[in-house]
Amino acid sequence: VVLTVPDHGDVRSTLWAAWRHAAATVPAIRAVSADPAAYDDLWYSSR
């Protein structure tokens, strides 16, 4: 999906804030785990 999200200064900070919002609000993600420490993040570069 394409979303318009608040700019948090740089791309990484903005994507991280979008993830934190999704982790708190998307039922399918919350069903996996509500503990942020249970997830592993991977930053990548594509095109």
All heavy atoms as atom14 arrays in JSON, in Angstrom:
{
  "sequence": "VVLTVPDHGDVRSTLWAAWRHAAATVPAIRAVSADPAAYDDLWYSSR",
  "atom14_mask": [
    [1, 1, 1, 1, 1, 1, 1, 0, 0, 0, 0, 0, 0, 0],
    [1, 1, 1, 1, 1, 1, 1, 0, 0, 0, 0, 0, 0, 0],
    [1, 1, 1, 1, 1, 1, 1, 1, 0, 0, 0, 0, 0, 0],
    [1, 1, 1, 1, 1, 1, 1, 0, 0, 0, 0, 0, 0, 0],
    [1, 1, 1, 1, 1, 1, 1, 0, 0, 0, 0, 0, 0, 0],
    [1, 1, 1, 1, 1, 1, 1, 0, 0, 0, 0, 0, 0, 0],
    [1, 1, 1, 1, 1, 1, 1, 1, 0, 0, 0, 0, 0, 0],
    [1, 1, 1, 1, 1, 1, 1, 1, 1, 1, 0, 0, 0, 0],
    [1, 1, 1, 1, 0, 0, 0, 0, 0, 0, 0, 0, 0, 0],
    [1, 1, 1, 1, 1, 1, 1, 1, 0, 0, 0, 0, 0, 0],
    [1, 1, 1, 1, 1, 1, 1, 0, 0, 0, 0, 0, 0, 0],
    [1, 1, 1, 1, 1, 1, 1, 1, 1, 1, 1, 0, 0, 0],
    [1, 1, 1, 1, 1, 1, 0, 0, 0, 0, 0, 0, 0, 0],
    [1, 1, 1, 1, 1, 1, 1, 0, 0, 0, 0, 0, 0, 0],
    [1, 1, 1, 1, 1, 1, 1, 1, 0, 0, 0, 0, 0, 0],
    [1, 1, 1, 1, 1, 1, 1, 1, 1, 1, 1, 1, 1, 1],
    [1, 1, 1, 1, 1, 0, 0, 0, 0, 0, 0, 0, 0, 0],
    [1, 1, 1, 1, 1, 0, 0, 0, 0, 0, 0, 0, 0, 0],
    [1, 1, 1, 1, 1, 1, 1, 1, 1, 1, 1, 1, 1, 1],
    [1, 1, 1, 1, 1, 1, 1, 1, 1, 1, 1, 0, 0, 0],
    [1, 1, 1, 1, 1, 1, 1, 1, 1, 1, 0, 0, 0, 0],
    [1, 1, 1, 1, 1, 0, 0, 0, 0, 0, 0, 0, 0, 0],
    [1, 1, 1, 1, 1, 0, 0, 0, 0, 0, 0, 0, 0, 0],
    [1, 1, 1, 1, 1, 0, 0, 0, 0, 0, 0, 0, 0, 0],
    [1, 1, 1, 1, 1, 1, 1, 0, 0, 0, 0, 0, 0, 0],
    [1, 1, 1, 1, 1, 1, 1, 0, 0, 0, 0, 0, 0, 0],
    [1, 1, 1, 1, 1, 1, 1, 0, 0, 0, 0, 0, 0, 0],
    [1, 1, 1, 1, 1, 0, 0, 0, 0, 0, 0, 0, 0, 0],
    [1, 1, 1, 1, 1, 1, 1, 1, 0, 0, 0, 0, 0, 0],
    [1, 1, 1, 1, 1, 1, 1, 1, 1, 1, 1, 0, 0, 0],
    [1, 1, 1, 1, 1, 0, 0, 0, 0, 0, 0, 0, 0, 0],
    [1, 1, 1, 1, 1, 1, 1, 0, 0, 0, 0, 0, 0, 0],
    [1, 1, 1, 1, 1, 1, 0, 0, 0, 0, 0, 0, 0, 0],
    [1, 1, 1, 1, 1, 0, 0, 0, 0, 0, 0, 0, 0, 0],
    [1, 1, 1, 1, 1, 1, 1, 1, 0, 0, 0, 0, 0, 0],
    [1, 1, 1, 1, 1, 1, 1, 0, 0, 0, 0, 0, 0, 0],
    [1, 1, 1, 1, 1, 0, 0, 0, 0, 0, 0, 0, 0, 0],
    [1, 1, 1, 1, 1, 0, 0, 0, 0, 0, 0, 0, 0, 0],
    [1, 1, 1, 1, 1, 1, 1, 1, 1, 1, 1, 1, 0, 0],
    [1, 1, 1, 1, 1, 1, 1, 1, 0, 0, 0, 0, 0, 0],
    [1, 1, 1, 1, 1, 1, 1, 1, 0, 0, 0, 0, 0, 0],
    [1, 1, 1, 1, 1, 1, 1, 1, 0, 0, 0, 0, 0, 0],
    [1, 1, 1, 1, 1, 1, 1, 1, 1, 1, 1, 1, 1, 1],
    [1, 1, 1, 1, 1, 1, 1, 1, 1, 1, 1, 1, 0, 0],
    [1, 1, 1, 1, 1, 1, 0, 0, 0, 0, 0, 0, 0, 0],
    [1, 1, 1, 1, 1, 1, 0, 0, 0, 0, 0, 0, 0, 0],
    [1, 1, 1, 1, 1, 1, 1, 1, 1, 1, 1, 0, 0, 0]
  ],
  "atom14_positions": [
    [[0.85, -1.18, 0.0], [0.0, 0.0, 0.0], [0.89, 1.24, 0.0], [2.02, 1.2, 0.5], [-0.95, 0.05, 1.22], [-1.97, -1.07, 1.16], [-0.18, 0.0, 2.52], [0.0, 0.0, 0.0], [0.0, 0.0, 0.0], [0.0, 0.0, 0.0], [0.0, 0.0, 0.0], [0.0, 0.0, 0.0], [0.0, 0.0, 0.0], [0.0, 0.0, 0.0]],
    [[0.4, 2.3, -0.59], [1.12, 3.57, -0.59], [0.51, 4.44, 0.5], [-0.71, 4.61, 0.57], [1.03, 4.27, -1.96], [1.68, 5.65, -1.91], [1.7, 3.42, -3.03], [0.0, 0.0, 0.0], [0.0, 0.0, 0.0], [0.0, 0.0, 0.0], [0.0, 0.0, 0.0], [0.0, 0.0, 0.0], [0.0, 0.0, 0.0], [0.0, 0.0, 0.0]],
    [[1.37, 4.95, 1.37], [0.94, 5.76, 2.51], [1.66, 7.1, 2.51], [2.82, 7.18, 2.09], [1.27, 5.06, 3.83], [0.75, 3.65, 4.03], [1.42, 3.02, 5.24], [-0.75, 3.68, 4.2], [0.0, 0.0, 0.0], [0.0, 0.0, 0.0], [0.0, 0.0, 0.0], [0.0, 0.0, 0.0], [0.0, 0.0, 0.0], [0.0, 0.0, 0.0]],
    [[1.0, 8.11, 2.98], [1.66, 9.39, 3.25], [1.86, 9.46, 4.75], [0.89, 9.36, 5.52], [0.81, 10.57, 2.76], [0.6, 10.43, 1.35], [1.51, 11.89, 3.03], [0.0, 0.0, 0.0], [0.0, 0.0, 0.0], [0.0, 0.0, 0.0], [0.0, 0.0, 0.0], [0.0, 0.0, 0.0], [0.0, 0.0, 0.0], [0.0, 0.0, 0.0]],
    [[3.1, 9.55, 5.17], [3.44, 9.54, 6.59], [4.21, 10.81, 6.95], [4.84, 11.42, 6.08], [4.28, 8.29, 6.97], [3.47, 7.02, 6.74], [5.57, 8.23, 6.19], [0.0, 0.0, 0.0], [0.0, 0.0, 0.0], [0.0, 0.0, 0.0], [0.0, 0.0, 0.0], [0.0, 0.0, 0.0], [0.0, 0.0, 0.0], [0.0, 0.0, 0.0]],
    [[4.17, 11.23, 8.22], [4.94, 12.4, 8.62], [6.44, 12.19, 8.39], [6.96, 11.1, 8.63], [4.64, 12.55, 10.11], [3.39, 11.77, 10.34], [3.39, 10.67, 9.31], [0.0, 0.0, 0.0], [0.0, 0.0, 0.0], [0.0, 0.0, 0.0], [0.0, 0.0, 0.0], [0.0, 0.0, 0.0], [0.0, 0.0, 0.0], [0.0, 0.0, 0.0]],
    [[7.1, 13.2, 7.93], [8.55, 13.15, 7.71], [9.24, 13.34, 9.05], [8.97, 14.3, 9.77], [8.95, 14.26, 6.74], [10.37, 14.13, 6.25], [11.2, 13.5, 6.94], [10.66, 14.65, 5.17], [0.0, 0.0, 0.0], [0.0, 0.0, 0.0], [0.0, 0.0, 0.0], [0.0, 0.0, 0.0], [0.0, 0.0, 0.0], [0.0, 0.0, 0.0]],
    [[10.14, 12.42, 9.4], [10.86, 12.48, 10.67], [12.32, 12.89, 10.49], [13.18, 12.5, 11.27], [10.76, 11.14, 11.4], [9.41, 10.9, 11.96], [9.06, 11.23, 13.24], [8.28, 10.37, 11.4], [7.8, 10.92, 13.46], [7.3, 10.4, 12.36], [0.0, 0.0, 0.0], [0.0, 0.0, 0.0], [0.0, 0.0, 0.0], [0.0, 0.0, 0.0]],
    [[12.61, 13.62, 9.42], [13.95, 14.17, 9.25], [14.81, 13.44, 8.24], [15.5, 14.04, 7.46], [0.0, 0.0, 0.0], [0.0, 0.0, 0.0], [0.0, 0.0, 0.0], [0.0, 0.0, 0.0], [0.0, 0.0, 0.0], [0.0, 0.0, 0.0], [0.0, 0.0, 0.0], [0.0, 0.0, 0.0], [0.0, 0.0, 0.0], [0.0, 0.0, 0.0]],
    [[14.79, 12.11, 8.28], [15.53, 11.33, 7.28], [14.75, 10.05, 6.99], [13.79, 9.72, 7.69], [16.96, 11.04, 7.73], [17.05, 10.22, 9.01], [16.26, 9.25, 9.17], [17.9, 10.51, 9.86], [0.0, 0.0, 0.0], [0.0, 0.0, 0.0], [0.0, 0.0, 0.0], [0.0, 0.0, 0.0], [0.0, 0.0, 0.0], [0.0, 0.0, 0.0]],
    [[15.16, 9.36, 5.95], [14.41, 8.18, 5.5], [14.34, 7.11, 6.59], [13.28, 6.57, 6.87], [15.02, 7.61, 4.2], [14.39, 6.27, 3.85], [14.86, 8.58, 3.06], [0.0, 0.0, 0.0], [0.0, 0.0, 0.0], [0.0, 0.0, 0.0], [0.0, 0.0, 0.0], [0.0, 0.0, 0.0], [0.0, 0.0, 0.0], [0.0, 0.0, 0.0]],
    [[15.46, 6.81, 7.21], [15.47, 5.75, 8.24], [14.55, 6.09, 9.4], [13.79, 5.24, 9.86], [16.89, 5.49, 8.74], [17.7, 4.68, 7.77], [19.09, 4.41, 8.33], [19.81, 3.52, 7.44], [20.39, 2.41, 7.83], [20.36, 2.03, 9.09], [21.03, 1.66, 6.96], [0.0, 0.0, 0.0], [0.0, 0.0, 0.0], [0.0, 0.0, 0.0]],
    [[14.6, 7.31, 9.88], [13.74, 7.7, 11.0], [12.27, 7.64, 10.61], [11.42, 7.23, 11.4], [14.09, 9.12, 11.47], [15.4, 9.15, 11.98], [0.0, 0.0, 0.0], [0.0, 0.0, 0.0], [0.0, 0.0, 0.0], [0.0, 0.0, 0.0], [0.0, 0.0, 0.0], [0.0, 0.0, 0.0], [0.0, 0.0, 0.0], [0.0, 0.0, 0.0]],
    [[11.96, 8.03, 9.38], [10.58, 8.01, 8.91], [10.07, 6.58, 8.78], [8.97, 6.25, 9.22], [10.46, 8.76, 7.58], [10.89, 10.12, 7.77], [9.04, 8.75, 7.06], [0.0, 0.0, 0.0], [0.0, 0.0, 0.0], [0.0, 0.0, 0.0], [0.0, 0.0, 0.0], [0.0, 0.0, 0.0], [0.0, 0.0, 0.0], [0.0, 0.0, 0.0]],
    [[10.88, 5.7, 8.19], [10.47, 4.3, 8.05], [10.34, 3.63, 9.41], [9.44, 2.82, 9.64], [11.44, 3.53, 7.16], [11.51, 3.98, 5.7], [12.54, 3.15, 4.94], [10.15, 3.91, 5.02], [0.0, 0.0, 0.0], [0.0, 0.0, 0.0], [0.0, 0.0, 0.0], [0.0, 0.0, 0.0], [0.0, 0.0, 0.0], [0.0, 0.0, 0.0]],
    [[11.25, 3.95, 10.32], [11.19, 3.38, 11.67], [9.91, 3.82, 12.38], [9.24, 3.01, 13.03], [12.43, 3.77, 12.48], [12.49, 3.06, 13.78], [12.24, 3.58, 15.01], [12.8, 1.67, 14.0], [12.38, 2.6, 15.98], [12.72, 1.44, 15.38], [13.14, 0.64, 13.14], [12.96, 0.18, 15.93], [13.38, -0.61, 13.7], [13.3, -0.82, 15.07]],
    [[9.55, 5.08, 12.25], [8.31, 5.58, 12.88], [7.09, 4.9, 12.26], [6.14, 4.56, 12.98], [8.22, 7.1, 12.73], [0.0, 0.0, 0.0], [0.0, 0.0, 0.0], [0.0, 0.0, 0.0], [0.0, 0.0, 0.0], [0.0, 0.0, 0.0], [0.0, 0.0, 0.0], [0.0, 0.0, 0.0], [0.0, 0.0, 0.0], [0.0, 0.0, 0.0]],
    [[7.11, 4.67, 10.94], [6.0, 3.98, 10.29], [5.89, 2.54, 10.81], [4.79, 2.04, 11.05], [6.19, 4.0, 8.77], [0.0, 0.0, 0.0], [0.0, 0.0, 0.0], [0.0, 0.0, 0.0], [0.0, 0.0, 0.0], [0.0, 0.0, 0.0], [0.0, 0.0, 0.0], [0.0, 0.0, 0.0], [0.0, 0.0, 0.0], [0.0, 0.0, 0.0]],
    [[7.04, 1.87, 11.01], [7.03, 0.52, 11.56], [6.44, 0.52, 12.98], [5.61, -0.31, 13.32], [8.43, -0.09, 11.56], [8.66, -1.11, 12.63], [9.55, -1.03, 13.65], [7.96, -2.36, 12.81], [9.45, -2.14, 14.46], [8.48, -2.98, 13.96], [6.95, -3.01, 12.12], [8.03, -4.21, 14.43], [6.5, -4.25, 12.6], [7.04, -4.83, 13.72]],
    [[6.87, 1.45, 13.81], [6.38, 1.5, 15.19], [4.86, 1.71, 15.22], [4.16, 1.12, 16.02], [7.09, 2.6, 15.99], [8.59, 2.42, 16.09], [9.0, 1.23, 16.87], [8.56, 1.43, 18.24], [8.36, 0.46, 19.11], [8.6, -0.78, 18.77], [7.97, 0.71, 20.32], [0.0, 0.0, 0.0], [0.0, 0.0, 0.0], [0.0, 0.0, 0.0]],
    [[4.37, 2.54, 14.31], [2.93, 2.76, 14.22], [2.21, 1.48, 13.79], [1.2, 1.09, 14.38], [2.63, 3.9, 13.25], [1.17, 4.17, 13.09], [0.41, 4.79, 14.06], [0.32, 3.88, 12.09], [-0.83, 4.86, 13.67], [-0.92, 4.32, 12.47], [0.0, 0.0, 0.0], [0.0, 0.0, 0.0], [0.0, 0.0, 0.0], [0.0, 0.0, 0.0]],
    [[2.76, 0.8, 12.78], [2.15, -0.45, 12.3], [2.18, -1.52, 13.4], [1.21, -2.25, 13.59], [2.88, -0.95, 11.06], [0.0, 0.0, 0.0], [0.0, 0.0, 0.0], [0.0, 0.0, 0.0], [0.0, 0.0, 0.0], [0.0, 0.0, 0.0], [0.0, 0.0, 0.0], [0.0, 0.0, 0.0], [0.0, 0.0, 0.0], [0.0, 0.0, 0.0]],
    [[3.29, -1.6, 14.13], [3.41, -2.6, 15.2], [2.35, -2.38, 16.28], [1.9, -3.33, 16.91], [4.8, -2.56, 15.81], [0.0, 0.0, 0.0], [0.0, 0.0, 0.0], [0.0, 0.0, 0.0], [0.0, 0.0, 0.0], [0.0, 0.0, 0.0], [0.0, 0.0, 0.0], [0.0, 0.0, 0.0], [0.0, 0.0, 0.0], [0.0, 0.0, 0.0]],
    [[1.95, -1.14, 16.47], [0.96, -0.83, 17.5], [-0.48, -0.91, 17.01], [-1.4, -1.04, 17.82], [1.23, 0.57, 18.05], [0.0, 0.0, 0.0], [0.0, 0.0, 0.0], [0.0, 0.0, 0.0], [0.0, 0.0, 0.0], [0.0, 0.0, 0.0], [0.0, 0.0, 0.0], [0.0, 0.0, 0.0], [0.0, 0.0, 0.0], [0.0, 0.0, 0.0]],
    [[-0.68, -0.87, 15.69], [-2.05, -0.75, 15.19], [-2.52, -1.86, 14.24], [-3.72, -2.03, 14.07], [-2.25, 0.6, 14.47], [-1.34, 0.67, 13.35], [-2.0, 1.77, 15.42], [0.0, 0.0, 0.0], [0.0, 0.0, 0.0], [0.0, 0.0, 0.0], [0.0, 0.0, 0.0], [0.0, 0.0, 0.0], [0.0, 0.0, 0.0], [0.0, 0.0, 0.0]],
    [[-1.61, -2.58, 13.6], [-2.01, -3.61, 12.63], [-2.27, -4.93, 13.39], [-1.35, -5.5, 13.98], [-0.94, -3.8, 11.54], [-1.29, -4.96, 10.62], [-0.75, -2.51, 10.75], [0.0, 0.0, 0.0], [0.0, 0.0, 0.0], [0.0, 0.0, 0.0], [0.0, 0.0, 0.0], [0.0, 0.0, 0.0], [0.0, 0.0, 0.0], [0.0, 0.0, 0.0]],
    [[-3.51, -5.4, 13.37], [-3.85, -6.62, 14.15], [-2.99, -7.84, 13.81], [-2.61, -8.58, 14.71], [-5.31, -6.86, 13.8], [-5.85, -5.52, 13.43], [-4.7, -4.82, 12.75], [0.0, 0.0, 0.0], [0.0, 0.0, 0.0], [0.0, 0.0, 0.0], [0.0, 0.0, 0.0], [0.0, 0.0, 0.0], [0.0, 0.0, 0.0], [0.0, 0.0, 0.0]],
    [[-2.66, -8.05, 12.55], [-1.86, -9.22, 12.17], [-0.46, -9.17, 12.78], [0.1, -10.2, 13.15], [-1.77, -9.35, 10.65], [0.0, 0.0, 0.0], [0.0, 0.0, 0.0], [0.0, 0.0, 0.0], [0.0, 0.0, 0.0], [0.0, 0.0, 0.0], [0.0, 0.0, 0.0], [0.0, 0.0, 0.0], [0.0, 0.0, 0.0], [0.0, 0.0, 0.0]],
    [[0.1, -7.98, 12.91], [1.43, -7.83, 13.52], [1.31, -7.98, 15.04], [2.1, -8.68, 15.67], [2.07, -6.49, 13.14], [2.34, -6.45, 11.63], [3.36, -6.27, 13.92], [2.83, -5.12, 11.12], [0.0, 0.0, 0.0], [0.0, 0.0, 0.0], [0.0, 0.0, 0.0], [0.0, 0.0, 0.0], [0.0, 0.0, 0.0], [0.0, 0.0, 0.0]],
    [[0.32, -7.35, 15.63], [0.14, -7.46, 17.09], [-0.13, -8.89, 17.51], [0.24, -9.3, 18.6], [-0.98, -6.54, 17.55], [-0.59, -5.07, 17.44], [-1.58, -4.14, 18.06], [-1.97, -4.49, 19.42], [-1.25, -4.24, 20.52], [-0.09, -3.65, 20.43], [-1.71, -4.58, 21.71], [0.0, 0.0, 0.0], [0.0, 0.0, 0.0], [0.0, 0.0, 0.0]],
    [[-0.74, -9.68, 16.63], [-1.02, -11.08, 16.96], [0.27, -11.9, 17.03], [0.33, -12.9, 17.74], [-1.97, -11.68, 15.92], [0.0, 0.0, 0.0], [0.0, 0.0, 0.0], [0.0, 0.0, 0.0], [0.0, 0.0, 0.0], [0.0, 0.0, 0.0], [0.0, 0.0, 0.0], [0.0, 0.0, 0.0], [0.0, 0.0, 0.0], [0.0, 0.0, 0.0]],
    [[1.3, -11.48, 16.31], [2.59, -12.19, 16.36], [3.27, -11.91, 17.69], [3.67, -12.83, 18.39], [3.5, -11.77, 15.18], [4.88, -12.38, 15.31], [2.86, -12.17, 13.85], [0.0, 0.0, 0.0], [0.0, 0.0, 0.0], [0.0, 0.0, 0.0], [0.0, 0.0, 0.0], [0.0, 0.0, 0.0], [0.0, 0.0, 0.0], [0.0, 0.0, 0.0]],
    [[3.41, -10.64, 18.04], [3.99, -10.27, 19.33], [3.82, -8.78, 19.56], [4.05, -7.98, 18.65], [5.48, -10.61, 19.39], [6.03, -10.19, 20.63], [0.0, 0.0, 0.0], [0.0, 0.0, 0.0], [0.0, 0.0, 0.0], [0.0, 0.0, 0.0], [0.0, 0.0, 0.0], [0.0, 0.0, 0.0], [0.0, 0.0, 0.0], [0.0, 0.0, 0.0]],
    [[3.45, -8.4, 20.77], [3.35, -6.99, 21.14], [4.67, -6.47, 21.7], [4.79, -5.28, 21.98], [2.23, -6.8, 22.17], [0.0, 0.0, 0.0], [0.0, 0.0, 0.0], [0.0, 0.0, 0.0], [0.0, 0.0, 0.0], [0.0, 0.0, 0.0], [0.0, 0.0, 0.0], [0.0, 0.0, 0.0], [0.0, 0.0, 0.0], [0.0, 0.0, 0.0]],
    [[5.66, -7.34, 21.84], [6.96, -6.96, 22.39], [7.89, -6.5, 21.28], [8.33, -7.32, 20.46], [7.57, -8.16, 23.13], [8.94, -7.87, 23.7], [9.35, -6.68, 23.73], [9.61, -8.83, 24.12], [0.0, 0.0, 0.0], [0.0, 0.0, 0.0], [0.0, 0.0, 0.0], [0.0, 0.0, 0.0], [0.0, 0.0, 0.0], [0.0, 0.0, 0.0]],
    [[8.24, -5.22, 21.23], [9.12, -4.72, 20.17], [10.49, -5.42, 20.13], [11.1, -5.55, 19.07], [9.3, -3.24, 20.49], [8.23, -2.9, 21.45], [7.83, -4.18, 22.14], [0.0, 0.0, 0.0], [0.0, 0.0, 0.0], [0.0, 0.0, 0.0], [0.0, 0.0, 0.0], [0.0, 0.0, 0.0], [0.0, 0.0, 0.0], [0.0, 0.0, 0.0]],
    [[10.96, -5.89, 21.27], [12.27, -6.56, 21.32], [12.24, -7.93, 20.66], [13.29, -8.52, 20.39], [12.73, -6.69, 22.77], [0.0, 0.0, 0.0], [0.0, 0.0, 0.0], [0.0, 0.0, 0.0], [0.0, 0.0, 0.0], [0.0, 0.0, 0.0], [0.0, 0.0, 0.0], [0.0, 0.0, 0.0], [0.0, 0.0, 0.0], [0.0, 0.0, 0.0]],
    [[11.06, -8.45, 20.37], [10.94, -9.78, 19.76], [11.18, -9.76, 18.25], [11.25, -10.82, 17.63], [9.55, -10.36, 20.05], [0.0, 0.0, 0.0], [0.0, 0.0, 0.0], [0.0, 0.0, 0.0], [0.0, 0.0, 0.0], [0.0, 0.0, 0.0], [0.0, 0.0, 0.0], [0.0, 0.0, 0.0], [0.0, 0.0, 0.0], [0.0, 0.0, 0.0]],
    [[11.33, -8.59, 17.67], [11.48, -8.45, 16.23], [12.93, -8.12, 15.86], [13.64, -7.5, 16.64], [10.57, -7.34, 15.7], [9.11, -7.66, 15.84], [8.39, -7.26, 16.96], [8.44, -8.38, 14.87], [7.05, -7.55, 17.11], [7.09, -8.68, 15.0], [6.4, -8.25, 16.12], [5.08, -8.55, 16.25], [0.0, 0.0, 0.0], [0.0, 0.0, 0.0]],
    [[13.33, -8.56, 14.68], [14.65, -8.22, 14.13], [14.43, -7.34, 12.92], [13.61, -7.65, 12.05], [15.4, -9.49, 13.69], [15.73, -10.38, 14.87], [16.21, -9.86, 15.89], [15.5, -11.6, 14.76], [0.0, 0.0, 0.0], [0.0, 0.0, 0.0], [0.0, 0.0, 0.0], [0.0, 0.0, 0.0], [0.0, 0.0, 0.0], [0.0, 0.0, 0.0]],
    [[15.2, -6.25, 12.83], [15.07, -5.36, 11.68], [16.27, -5.5, 10.76], [17.38, -5.8, 11.2], [14.88, -3.91, 12.12], [16.03, -3.41, 12.96], [16.12, -3.83, 14.12], [16.84, -2.6, 12.46], [0.0, 0.0, 0.0], [0.0, 0.0, 0.0], [0.0, 0.0, 0.0], [0.0, 0.0, 0.0], [0.0, 0.0, 0.0], [0.0, 0.0, 0.0]],
    [[16.02, -5.32, 9.48], [17.05, -5.38, 8.46], [16.9, -4.18, 7.56], [15.83, -3.98, 6.96], [16.91, -6.67, 7.64], [17.79, -6.78, 6.4], [19.24, -6.96, 6.8], [17.33, -7.92, 5.52], [0.0, 0.0, 0.0], [0.0, 0.0, 0.0], [0.0, 0.0, 0.0], [0.0, 0.0, 0.0], [0.0, 0.0, 0.0], [0.0, 0.0, 0.0]],
    [[17.93, -3.38, 7.49], [17.94, -2.24, 6.57], [18.58, -2.71, 5.28], [19.58, -3.42, 5.28], [18.72, -1.08, 7.17], [18.04, -0.5, 8.36], [18.29, -0.79, 9.66], [16.96, 0.42, 8.35], [17.44, -0.1, 10.48], [16.6, 0.67, 9.7], [16.26, 1.08, 7.35], [15.59, 1.54, 10.06], [15.24, 1.96, 7.71], [14.92, 2.17, 9.05]],
    [[18.0, -2.32, 4.16], [18.54, -2.74, 2.86], [18.48, -1.58, 1.88], [17.82, -0.57, 2.13], [17.77, -3.94, 2.32], [16.31, -3.67, 2.02], [15.91, -3.22, 0.76], [15.34, -3.86, 2.98], [14.58, -2.96, 0.49], [14.01, -3.61, 2.71], [13.63, -3.16, 1.47], [12.31, -2.9, 1.2], [0.0, 0.0, 0.0], [0.0, 0.0, 0.0]],
    [[19.19, -1.74, 0.78], [19.16, -0.74, -0.28], [18.76, -1.45, -1.57], [19.34, -2.47, -1.93], [20.53, -0.08, -0.43], [20.49, 0.86, -1.47], [0.0, 0.0, 0.0], [0.0, 0.0, 0.0], [0.0, 0.0, 0.0], [0.0, 0.0, 0.0], [0.0, 0.0, 0.0], [0.0, 0.0, 0.0], [0.0, 0.0, 0.0], [0.0, 0.0, 0.0]],
    [[17.76, -0.92, -2.23], [17.29, -1.49, -3.48], [17.06, -0.35, -4.47], [16.3, 0.58, -4.18], [15.98, -2.25, -3.24], [15.45, -2.71, -4.46], [0.0, 0.0, 0.0], [0.0, 0.0, 0.0], [0.0, 0.0, 0.0], [0.0, 0.0, 0.0], [0.0, 0.0, 0.0], [0.0, 0.0, 0.0], [0.0, 0.0, 0.0], [0.0, 0.0, 0.0]],
    [[17.74, -0.43, -5.59], [17.62, 0.61, -6.62], [17.89, 2.0, -6.05], [17.21, 2.97, -6.39], [16.25, 0.55, -7.29], [16.12, -0.68, -8.19], [14.72, -0.86, -8.65], [14.18, -1.87, -7.73], [12.92, -1.99, -7.4], [12.03, -1.23, -7.92], [12.54, -2.91, -6.56], [0.0, 0.0, 0.0], [0.0, 0.0, 0.0], [0.0, 0.0, 0.0]]
  ]
}
